[in-house]
Amino acid sequence: KFFASIDTSQRYYEFFRFGSKWDRVDYNIDYLLKQKYEVVGTITV
């Protein structure tokens, strides 16, 4: 089970999570779901 840390929308994601790429996290979520793993969207408000 994965708790995917996604605390903001795409608009602010790469700023708030400095060093990140939105396309990468989006791709990896699709990859895990395709592999039938459980993924939870975790928002640290």
All heavy atoms as atom14 arrays in JSON, in Angstrom:
{
  "sequence": "KFFASIDTSQRYYEFFRFGSKWDRVDYNIDYLLKQKYEVVGTITV",
  "atom14_mask": [
    [1, 1, 1, 1, 1, 1, 1, 1, 1, 0, 0, 0, 0, 0],
    [1, 1, 1, 1, 1, 1, 1, 1, 1, 1, 1, 0, 0, 0],
    [1, 1, 1, 1, 1, 1, 1, 1, 1, 1, 1, 0, 0, 0],
    [1, 1, 1, 1, 1, 0, 0, 0, 0, 0, 0, 0, 0, 0],
    [1, 1, 1, 1, 1, 1, 0, 0, 0, 0, 0, 0, 0, 0],
    [1, 1, 1, 1, 1, 1, 1, 1, 0, 0, 0, 0, 0, 0],
    [1, 1, 1, 1, 1, 1, 1, 1, 0, 0, 0, 0, 0, 0],
    [1, 1, 1, 1, 1, 1, 1, 0, 0, 0, 0, 0, 0, 0],
    [1, 1, 1, 1, 1, 1, 0, 0, 0, 0, 0, 0, 0, 0],
    [1, 1, 1, 1, 1, 1, 1, 1, 1, 0, 0, 0, 0, 0],
    [1, 1, 1, 1, 1, 1, 1, 1, 1, 1, 1, 0, 0, 0],
    [1, 1, 1, 1, 1, 1, 1, 1, 1, 1, 1, 1, 0, 0],
    [1, 1, 1, 1, 1, 1, 1, 1, 1, 1, 1, 1, 0, 0],
    [1, 1, 1, 1, 1, 1, 1, 1, 1, 0, 0, 0, 0, 0],
    [1, 1, 1, 1, 1, 1, 1, 1, 1, 1, 1, 0, 0, 0],
    [1, 1, 1, 1, 1, 1, 1, 1, 1, 1, 1, 0, 0, 0],
    [1, 1, 1, 1, 1, 1, 1, 1, 1, 1, 1, 0, 0, 0],
    [1, 1, 1, 1, 1, 1, 1, 1, 1, 1, 1, 0, 0, 0],
    [1, 1, 1, 1, 0, 0, 0, 0, 0, 0, 0, 0, 0, 0],
    [1, 1, 1, 1, 1, 1, 0, 0, 0, 0, 0, 0, 0, 0],
    [1, 1, 1, 1, 1, 1, 1, 1, 1, 0, 0, 0, 0, 0],
    [1, 1, 1, 1, 1, 1, 1, 1, 1, 1, 1, 1, 1, 1],
    [1, 1, 1, 1, 1, 1, 1, 1, 0, 0, 0, 0, 0, 0],
    [1, 1, 1, 1, 1, 1, 1, 1, 1, 1, 1, 0, 0, 0],
    [1, 1, 1, 1, 1, 1, 1, 0, 0, 0, 0, 0, 0, 0],
    [1, 1, 1, 1, 1, 1, 1, 1, 0, 0, 0, 0, 0, 0],
    [1, 1, 1, 1, 1, 1, 1, 1, 1, 1, 1, 1, 0, 0],
    [1, 1, 1, 1, 1, 1, 1, 1, 0, 0, 0, 0, 0, 0],
    [1, 1, 1, 1, 1, 1, 1, 1, 0, 0, 0, 0, 0, 0],
    [1, 1, 1, 1, 1, 1, 1, 1, 0, 0, 0, 0, 0, 0],
    [1, 1, 1, 1, 1, 1, 1, 1, 1, 1, 1, 1, 0, 0],
    [1, 1, 1, 1, 1, 1, 1, 1, 0, 0, 0, 0, 0, 0],
    [1, 1, 1, 1, 1, 1, 1, 1, 0, 0, 0, 0, 0, 0],
    [1, 1, 1, 1, 1, 1, 1, 1, 1, 0, 0, 0, 0, 0],
    [1, 1, 1, 1, 1, 1, 1, 1, 1, 0, 0, 0, 0, 0],
    [1, 1, 1, 1, 1, 1, 1, 1, 1, 0, 0, 0, 0, 0],
    [1, 1, 1, 1, 1, 1, 1, 1, 1, 1, 1, 1, 0, 0],
    [1, 1, 1, 1, 1, 1, 1, 1, 1, 0, 0, 0, 0, 0],
    [1, 1, 1, 1, 1, 1, 1, 0, 0, 0, 0, 0, 0, 0],
    [1, 1, 1, 1, 1, 1, 1, 0, 0, 0, 0, 0, 0, 0],
    [1, 1, 1, 1, 0, 0, 0, 0, 0, 0, 0, 0, 0, 0],
    [1, 1, 1, 1, 1, 1, 1, 0, 0, 0, 0, 0, 0, 0],
    [1, 1, 1, 1, 1, 1, 1, 1, 0, 0, 0, 0, 0, 0],
    [1, 1, 1, 1, 1, 1, 1, 0, 0, 0, 0, 0, 0, 0],
    [1, 1, 1, 1, 1, 1, 1, 0, 0, 0, 0, 0, 0, 0]
  ],
  "atom14_positions": [
    [[0.85, -1.2, 0.0], [0.0, 0.0, 0.0], [0.88, 1.25, 0.0], [1.84, 1.34, 0.78], [-0.9, -0.01, 1.23], [-1.89, 1.12, 1.35], [-2.82, 0.89, 2.54], [-3.9, 1.92, 2.65], [-4.85, 1.61, 3.77], [0.0, 0.0, 0.0], [0.0, 0.0, 0.0], [0.0, 0.0, 0.0], [0.0, 0.0, 0.0], [0.0, 0.0, 0.0]],
    [[0.55, 2.22, -0.85], [1.32, 3.44, -0.95], [0.48, 4.64, -0.51], [-0.64, 4.82, -0.99], [1.78, 3.67, -2.41], [2.74, 2.64, -2.89], [2.28, 1.44, -3.43], [4.11, 2.84, -2.81], [3.17, 0.47, -3.88], [5.0, 1.88, -3.25], [4.53, 0.7, -3.78], [0.0, 0.0, 0.0], [0.0, 0.0, 0.0], [0.0, 0.0, 0.0]],
    [[1.05, 5.44, 0.38], [0.47, 6.73, 0.73], [1.24, 7.77, -0.08], [2.37, 8.14, 0.29], [0.57, 6.99, 2.23], [-0.27, 6.06, 3.05], [0.21, 4.81, 3.44], [-1.56, 6.41, 3.41], [-0.57, 3.94, 4.18], [-2.35, 5.56, 4.16], [-1.87, 4.32, 4.55], [0.0, 0.0, 0.0], [0.0, 0.0, 0.0], [0.0, 0.0, 0.0]],
    [[0.66, 8.19, -1.19], [1.35, 9.11, -2.11], [1.2, 10.53, -1.59], [0.1, 11.05, -1.46], [0.74, 8.99, -3.51], [0.0, 0.0, 0.0], [0.0, 0.0, 0.0], [0.0, 0.0, 0.0], [0.0, 0.0, 0.0], [0.0, 0.0, 0.0], [0.0, 0.0, 0.0], [0.0, 0.0, 0.0], [0.0, 0.0, 0.0], [0.0, 0.0, 0.0]],
    [[2.33, 11.15, -1.28], [2.31, 12.5, -0.71], [2.07, 13.53, -1.8], [2.98, 13.89, -2.56], [3.65, 12.79, -0.01], [3.85, 11.88, 1.05], [0.0, 0.0, 0.0], [0.0, 0.0, 0.0], [0.0, 0.0, 0.0], [0.0, 0.0, 0.0], [0.0, 0.0, 0.0], [0.0, 0.0, 0.0], [0.0, 0.0, 0.0], [0.0, 0.0, 0.0]],
    [[0.83, 13.99, -1.9], [0.45, 15.01, -2.89], [-0.33, 16.07, -2.13], [-1.53, 15.93, -1.91], [-0.41, 14.42, -4.02], [0.23, 13.15, -4.59], [-0.63, 15.44, -5.13], [-0.61, 12.44, -5.6], [0.0, 0.0, 0.0], [0.0, 0.0, 0.0], [0.0, 0.0, 0.0], [0.0, 0.0, 0.0], [0.0, 0.0, 0.0], [0.0, 0.0, 0.0]],
    [[0.33, 17.14, -1.75], [-0.27, 18.1, -0.83], [-0.89, 19.3, -1.51], [-1.58, 20.1, -0.87], [0.8, 18.6, 0.15], [1.58, 17.44, 0.75], [0.95, 16.57, 1.34], [2.81, 17.41, 0.59], [0.0, 0.0, 0.0], [0.0, 0.0, 0.0], [0.0, 0.0, 0.0], [0.0, 0.0, 0.0], [0.0, 0.0, 0.0], [0.0, 0.0, 0.0]],
    [[-0.62, 19.47, -2.79], [-1.13, 20.63, -3.52], [-1.58, 20.19, -4.91], [-1.22, 19.1, -5.38], [-0.05, 21.72, -3.69], [0.95, 21.25, -4.61], [0.62, 22.05, -2.37], [0.0, 0.0, 0.0], [0.0, 0.0, 0.0], [0.0, 0.0, 0.0], [0.0, 0.0, 0.0], [0.0, 0.0, 0.0], [0.0, 0.0, 0.0], [0.0, 0.0, 0.0]],
    [[-2.32, 21.06, -5.57], [-2.69, 20.81, -6.96], [-1.46, 20.95, -7.85], [-0.39, 21.41, -7.41], [-3.76, 21.8, -7.4], [-3.22, 23.11, -7.46], [0.0, 0.0, 0.0], [0.0, 0.0, 0.0], [0.0, 0.0, 0.0], [0.0, 0.0, 0.0], [0.0, 0.0, 0.0], [0.0, 0.0, 0.0], [0.0, 0.0, 0.0], [0.0, 0.0, 0.0]],
    [[-1.61, 20.58, -9.11], [-0.5, 20.67, -10.07], [0.08, 22.08, -10.12], [1.29, 22.28, -10.26], [-0.97, 20.26, -11.46], [0.12, 20.31, -12.52], [-0.37, 19.84, -13.89], [-1.55, 19.49, -14.04], [0.5, 19.83, -14.87], [0.0, 0.0, 0.0], [0.0, 0.0, 0.0], [0.0, 0.0, 0.0], [0.0, 0.0, 0.0], [0.0, 0.0, 0.0]],
    [[-0.76, 23.07, -9.93], [-0.34, 24.47, -10.05], [0.8, 24.82, -9.09], [1.73, 25.53, -9.46], [-1.55, 25.38, -9.79], [-1.26, 26.86, -9.92], [-2.54, 27.65, -9.72], [-2.3, 29.09, -9.76], [-3.24, 30.0, -9.56], [-4.5, 29.61, -9.29], [-2.96, 31.28, -9.61], [0.0, 0.0, 0.0], [0.0, 0.0, 0.0], [0.0, 0.0, 0.0]],
    [[0.73, 24.32, -7.85], [1.73, 24.68, -6.84], [2.67, 23.53, -6.47], [3.58, 23.71, -5.66], [1.02, 25.17, -5.57], [0.18, 26.4, -5.79], [-1.2, 26.3, -5.95], [0.78, 27.65, -5.89], [-1.97, 27.43, -6.18], [0.02, 28.79, -6.12], [-1.36, 28.68, -6.27], [-2.12, 29.8, -6.5], [0.0, 0.0, 0.0], [0.0, 0.0, 0.0]],
    [[2.44, 22.37, -7.06], [3.15, 21.16, -6.65], [4.67, 21.3, -6.77], [5.41, 21.0, -5.82], [2.66, 19.98, -7.47], [3.36, 18.67, -7.16], [2.97, 17.89, -6.08], [4.41, 18.22, -7.96], [3.6, 16.69, -5.79], [5.06, 17.03, -7.68], [4.65, 16.27, -6.59], [5.28, 15.09, -6.31], [0.0, 0.0, 0.0], [0.0, 0.0, 0.0]],
    [[5.18, 21.73, -7.9], [6.63, 21.76, -8.12], [7.32, 22.85, -7.3], [8.52, 22.77, -7.06], [6.92, 21.91, -9.61], [6.54, 20.67, -10.4], [6.9, 20.74, -11.88], [7.6, 21.7, -12.29], [6.48, 19.84, -12.64], [0.0, 0.0, 0.0], [0.0, 0.0, 0.0], [0.0, 0.0, 0.0], [0.0, 0.0, 0.0], [0.0, 0.0, 0.0]],
    [[6.55, 23.86, -6.88], [7.12, 24.85, -5.96], [7.19, 24.26, -4.56], [8.26, 24.22, -3.94], [6.29, 26.14, -5.94], [6.8, 27.16, -4.95], [7.78, 28.07, -5.32], [6.32, 27.19, -3.65], [8.28, 29.0, -4.4], [6.8, 28.11, -2.72], [7.78, 29.02, -3.11], [0.0, 0.0, 0.0], [0.0, 0.0, 0.0], [0.0, 0.0, 0.0]],
    [[6.05, 23.8, -4.05], [5.98, 23.34, -2.66], [6.88, 22.13, -2.44], [7.55, 22.02, -1.41], [4.54, 22.98, -2.29], [4.39, 22.48, -0.89], [4.55, 23.33, 0.19], [4.12, 21.14, -0.64], [4.43, 22.88, 1.49], [4.0, 20.68, 0.65], [4.15, 21.55, 1.72], [0.0, 0.0, 0.0], [0.0, 0.0, 0.0], [0.0, 0.0, 0.0]],
    [[6.91, 21.2, -3.39], [7.79, 20.03, -3.31], [8.99, 20.29, -4.23], [9.11, 19.7, -5.3], [7.05, 18.75, -3.66], [6.04, 18.38, -2.58], [5.47, 16.99, -2.7], [4.79, 16.62, -1.47], [5.34, 15.97, -0.45], [6.59, 15.59, -0.53], [4.65, 15.68, 0.63], [0.0, 0.0, 0.0], [0.0, 0.0, 0.0], [0.0, 0.0, 0.0]],
    [[9.86, 21.17, -3.75], [10.98, 21.65, -4.56], [11.87, 20.49, -5.01], [12.29, 19.66, -4.2], [11.81, 22.66, -3.76], [13.0, 23.18, -4.49], [12.85, 24.01, -5.6], [14.28, 22.84, -4.09], [13.95, 24.49, -6.28], [15.4, 23.31, -4.77], [15.22, 24.13, -5.87], [0.0, 0.0, 0.0], [0.0, 0.0, 0.0], [0.0, 0.0, 0.0]],
    [[12.14, 20.47, -6.33], [12.94, 19.39, -6.9], [12.09, 18.34, -7.59], [12.61, 17.4, -8.2], [0.0, 0.0, 0.0], [0.0, 0.0, 0.0], [0.0, 0.0, 0.0], [0.0, 0.0, 0.0], [0.0, 0.0, 0.0], [0.0, 0.0, 0.0], [0.0, 0.0, 0.0], [0.0, 0.0, 0.0], [0.0, 0.0, 0.0], [0.0, 0.0, 0.0]],
    [[10.77, 18.48, -7.48], [9.85, 17.47, -8.03], [9.44, 17.79, -9.46], [9.64, 18.9, -9.96], [8.59, 17.4, -7.16], [7.85, 18.61, -7.29], [0.0, 0.0, 0.0], [0.0, 0.0, 0.0], [0.0, 0.0, 0.0], [0.0, 0.0, 0.0], [0.0, 0.0, 0.0], [0.0, 0.0, 0.0], [0.0, 0.0, 0.0], [0.0, 0.0, 0.0]],
    [[8.83, 16.79, -10.1], [8.22, 16.95, -11.42], [6.81, 16.35, -11.36], [6.65, 15.17, -11.02], [9.05, 16.24, -12.51], [10.43, 16.83, -12.72], [10.35, 18.24, -13.28], [11.73, 18.83, -13.51], [11.66, 20.26, -13.91], [0.0, 0.0, 0.0], [0.0, 0.0, 0.0], [0.0, 0.0, 0.0], [0.0, 0.0, 0.0], [0.0, 0.0, 0.0]],
    [[5.82, 17.14, -11.67], [4.44, 16.67, -11.63], [4.23, 15.47, -12.55], [3.56, 14.51, -12.18], [3.49, 17.8, -12.01], [2.04, 17.36, -12.08], [1.35, 16.96, -13.19], [1.15, 17.22, -10.98], [0.07, 16.6, -12.86], [-0.08, 16.75, -11.5], [1.25, 17.44, -9.61], [-1.2, 16.5, -10.7], [0.14, 17.19, -8.8], [-1.06, 16.73, -9.35]],
    [[4.8, 15.53, -13.75], [4.62, 14.43, -14.71], [5.14, 13.11, -14.15], [4.61, 12.04, -14.45], [5.32, 14.74, -16.03], [4.62, 15.85, -16.81], [3.48, 16.19, -16.45], [5.23, 16.39, -17.75], [0.0, 0.0, 0.0], [0.0, 0.0, 0.0], [0.0, 0.0, 0.0], [0.0, 0.0, 0.0], [0.0, 0.0, 0.0], [0.0, 0.0, 0.0]],
    [[6.19, 13.17, -13.33], [6.78, 11.96, -12.76], [5.83, 11.32, -11.76], [5.6, 10.12, -11.78], [8.13, 12.28, -12.12], [8.74, 11.15, -11.29], [8.95, 9.87, -12.09], [9.9, 10.04, -13.16], [10.2, 9.07, -14.03], [9.61, 7.89, -13.94], [11.07, 9.29, -14.99], [0.0, 0.0, 0.0], [0.0, 0.0, 0.0], [0.0, 0.0, 0.0]],
    [[5.28, 12.1, -10.83], [4.38, 11.52, -9.84], [3.11, 11.01, -10.51], [2.57, 9.96, -10.14], [4.07, 12.52, -8.7], [3.14, 13.64, -9.14], [3.45, 11.81, -7.5], [0.0, 0.0, 0.0], [0.0, 0.0, 0.0], [0.0, 0.0, 0.0], [0.0, 0.0, 0.0], [0.0, 0.0, 0.0], [0.0, 0.0, 0.0], [0.0, 0.0, 0.0]],
    [[2.63, 11.73, -11.52], [1.43, 11.3, -12.25], [1.68, 9.96, -12.95], [0.85, 9.05, -12.88], [1.06, 12.39, -13.27], [-0.22, 12.05, -14.02], [-1.26, 11.87, -13.35], [-0.17, 11.97, -15.26], [0.0, 0.0, 0.0], [0.0, 0.0, 0.0], [0.0, 0.0, 0.0], [0.0, 0.0, 0.0], [0.0, 0.0, 0.0], [0.0, 0.0, 0.0]],
    [[2.84, 9.83, -13.58], [3.21, 8.57, -14.24], [3.3, 7.43, -13.24], [2.81, 6.31, -13.49], [4.54, 8.75, -14.98], [5.08, 7.47, -15.57], [4.69, 7.04, -16.84], [5.97, 6.66, -14.84], [5.18, 5.84, -17.38], [6.46, 5.48, -15.36], [6.07, 5.07, -16.63], [6.54, 3.89, -17.14], [0.0, 0.0, 0.0], [0.0, 0.0, 0.0]],
    [[3.93, 7.69, -12.1], [4.15, 6.63, -11.11], [2.84, 6.16, -10.47], [2.69, 4.97, -10.15], [5.12, 7.1, -10.03], [6.56, 7.02, -10.49], [6.9, 6.26, -11.4], [7.43, 7.81, -9.87], [0.0, 0.0, 0.0], [0.0, 0.0, 0.0], [0.0, 0.0, 0.0], [0.0, 0.0, 0.0], [0.0, 0.0, 0.0], [0.0, 0.0, 0.0]],
    [[1.91, 7.06, -10.26], [0.6, 6.65, -9.74], [-0.07, 5.7, -10.73], [-0.59, 4.64, -10.35], [-0.28, 7.88, -9.45], [0.23, 8.6, -8.21], [-1.75, 7.47, -9.26], [-0.43, 9.94, -7.96], [0.0, 0.0, 0.0], [0.0, 0.0, 0.0], [0.0, 0.0, 0.0], [0.0, 0.0, 0.0], [0.0, 0.0, 0.0], [0.0, 0.0, 0.0]],
    [[-0.05, 6.06, -12.01], [-0.64, 5.19, -13.04], [0.07, 3.84, -13.08], [-0.58, 2.79, -13.23], [-0.56, 5.86, -14.41], [-1.54, 7.02, -14.55], [-2.49, 7.09, -13.74], [-1.35, 7.85, -15.46], [0.0, 0.0, 0.0], [0.0, 0.0, 0.0], [0.0, 0.0, 0.0], [0.0, 0.0, 0.0], [0.0, 0.0, 0.0], [0.0, 0.0, 0.0]],
    [[1.38, 3.86, -12.93], [2.16, 2.62, -12.95], [1.75, 1.7, -11.81], [1.51, 0.5, -12.02], [3.65, 2.95, -12.86], [4.54, 1.73, -12.7], [4.94, 1.0, -13.8], [4.96, 1.31, -11.44], [5.75, -0.13, -13.67], [5.77, 0.2, -11.29], [6.15, -0.52, -12.4], [6.95, -1.64, -12.25], [0.0, 0.0, 0.0], [0.0, 0.0, 0.0]],
    [[1.64, 2.24, -10.6], [1.28, 1.42, -9.43], [-0.14, 0.88, -9.55], [-0.41, -0.28, -9.2], [1.43, 2.24, -8.15], [2.87, 2.6, -7.76], [2.87, 3.58, -6.58], [3.68, 1.36, -7.41], [0.0, 0.0, 0.0], [0.0, 0.0, 0.0], [0.0, 0.0, 0.0], [0.0, 0.0, 0.0], [0.0, 0.0, 0.0], [0.0, 0.0, 0.0]],
    [[-1.05, 1.71, -10.03], [-2.44, 1.25, -10.19], [-2.52, 0.14, -11.24], [-3.27, -0.83, -11.07], [-3.33, 2.42, -10.58], [-3.52, 3.52, -9.51], [-4.31, 4.68, -10.07], [-4.2, 2.95, -8.27], [0.0, 0.0, 0.0], [0.0, 0.0, 0.0], [0.0, 0.0, 0.0], [0.0, 0.0, 0.0], [0.0, 0.0, 0.0], [0.0, 0.0, 0.0]],
    [[-1.75, 0.26, -12.29], [-1.72, -0.77, -13.33], [-1.19, -2.08, -12.78], [-1.61, -3.17, -13.17], [-0.86, -0.29, -14.51], [-0.93, -1.2, -15.72], [-0.14, -0.61, -16.89], [-0.21, -1.52, -18.11], [0.56, -0.95, -19.25], [0.0, 0.0, 0.0], [0.0, 0.0, 0.0], [0.0, 0.0, 0.0], [0.0, 0.0, 0.0], [0.0, 0.0, 0.0]],
    [[-0.25, -1.99, -11.82], [0.32, -3.18, -11.19], [-0.57, -3.72, -10.06], [-0.2, -4.67, -9.37], [1.71, -2.85, -10.61], [2.73, -2.41, -11.63], [3.1, -3.51, -12.61], [3.18, -4.68, -12.25], [3.29, -3.14, -13.88], [0.0, 0.0, 0.0], [0.0, 0.0, 0.0], [0.0, 0.0, 0.0], [0.0, 0.0, 0.0], [0.0, 0.0, 0.0]],
    [[-1.74, -3.08, -9.87], [-2.74, -3.52, -8.88], [-2.33, -3.28, -7.43], [-2.79, -3.97, -6.52], [-3.1, -5.01, -9.06], [-3.53, -5.4, -10.46], [-4.77, -4.65, -10.91], [-5.23, -5.08, -12.3], [-6.37, -4.28, -12.79], [0.0, 0.0, 0.0], [0.0, 0.0, 0.0], [0.0, 0.0, 0.0], [0.0, 0.0, 0.0], [0.0, 0.0, 0.0]],
    [[-1.47, -2.29, -7.21], [-1.15, -1.9, -5.84], [-2.16, -0.87, -5.36], [-2.74, -0.13, -6.16], [0.27, -1.31, -5.76], [1.36, -2.31, -6.06], [2.22, -2.13, -7.14], [1.53, -3.45, -5.28], [3.22, -3.04, -7.43], [2.53, -4.37, -5.56], [3.37, -4.17, -6.64], [4.35, -5.07, -6.91], [0.0, 0.0, 0.0], [0.0, 0.0, 0.0]],
    [[-2.35, -0.8, -4.06], [-3.26, 0.19, -3.49], [-2.52, 1.52, -3.32], [-1.41, 1.56, -2.78], [-3.8, -0.29, -2.14], [-4.82, 0.66, -1.54], [-5.37, 0.18, -0.21], [-4.96, -0.9, 0.25], [-6.19, 0.91, 0.38], [0.0, 0.0, 0.0], [0.0, 0.0, 0.0], [0.0, 0.0, 0.0], [0.0, 0.0, 0.0], [0.0, 0.0, 0.0]],
    [[-3.14, 2.61, -3.76], [-2.55, 3.93, -3.65], [-3.55, 4.87, -2.98], [-4.71, 4.94, -3.4], [-2.13, 4.51, -5.02], [-1.43, 5.86, -4.85], [-1.24, 3.54, -5.79], [0.0, 0.0, 0.0], [0.0, 0.0, 0.0], [0.0, 0.0, 0.0], [0.0, 0.0, 0.0], [0.0, 0.0, 0.0], [0.0, 0.0, 0.0], [0.0, 0.0, 0.0]],
    [[-3.11, 5.57, -1.96], [-3.94, 6.55, -1.25], [-3.36, 7.93, -1.48], [-2.14, 8.13, -1.37], [-3.96, 6.24, 0.28], [-4.75, 7.31, 1.04], [-4.55, 4.86, 0.53], [0.0, 0.0, 0.0], [0.0, 0.0, 0.0], [0.0, 0.0, 0.0], [0.0, 0.0, 0.0], [0.0, 0.0, 0.0], [0.0, 0.0, 0.0], [0.0, 0.0, 0.0]],
    [[-4.2, 8.88, -1.82], [-3.76, 10.26, -1.98], [-3.66, 10.93, -0.62], [-4.68, 11.19, 0.03], [0.0, 0.0, 0.0], [0.0, 0.0, 0.0], [0.0, 0.0, 0.0], [0.0, 0.0, 0.0], [0.0, 0.0, 0.0], [0.0, 0.0, 0.0], [0.0, 0.0, 0.0], [0.0, 0.0, 0.0], [0.0, 0.0, 0.0], [0.0, 0.0, 0.0]],
    [[-2.44, 11.19, -0.17], [-2.22, 11.72, 1.18], [-1.92, 13.21, 1.12], [-0.93, 13.63, 0.51], [-1.05, 10.98, 1.86], [-1.35, 9.58, 1.9], [-0.85, 11.48, 3.28], [0.0, 0.0, 0.0], [0.0, 0.0, 0.0], [0.0, 0.0, 0.0], [0.0, 0.0, 0.0], [0.0, 0.0, 0.0], [0.0, 0.0, 0.0], [0.0, 0.0, 0.0]],
    [[-2.78, 13.99, 1.75], [-2.63, 15.44, 1.77], [-2.17, 15.88, 3.16], [-2.9, 15.72, 4.13], [-3.98, 16.14, 1.46], [-4.6, 15.61, 0.17], [-3.79, 17.65, 1.39], [-6.03, 16.09, -0.08], [0.0, 0.0, 0.0], [0.0, 0.0, 0.0], [0.0, 0.0, 0.0], [0.0, 0.0, 0.0], [0.0, 0.0, 0.0], [0.0, 0.0, 0.0]],
    [[-0.95, 16.39, 3.25], [-0.53, 17.04, 4.49], [-0.95, 18.5, 4.36], [-0.3, 19.3, 3.71], [0.99, 16.93, 4.7], [1.35, 15.54, 4.69], [1.39, 17.53, 6.04], [0.0, 0.0, 0.0], [0.0, 0.0, 0.0], [0.0, 0.0, 0.0], [0.0, 0.0, 0.0], [0.0, 0.0, 0.0], [0.0, 0.0, 0.0], [0.0, 0.0, 0.0]],
    [[-2.08, 18.81, 4.96], [-2.75, 20.1, 4.74], [-1.88, 21.25, 5.25], [-1.43, 21.25, 6.39], [-4.12, 20.12, 5.44], [-4.81, 21.47, 5.22], [-4.99, 18.98, 4.94], [0.0, 0.0, 0.0], [0.0, 0.0, 0.0], [0.0, 0.0, 0.0], [0.0, 0.0, 0.0], [0.0, 0.0, 0.0], [0.0, 0.0, 0.0], [0.0, 0.0, 0.0]]
  ]
}
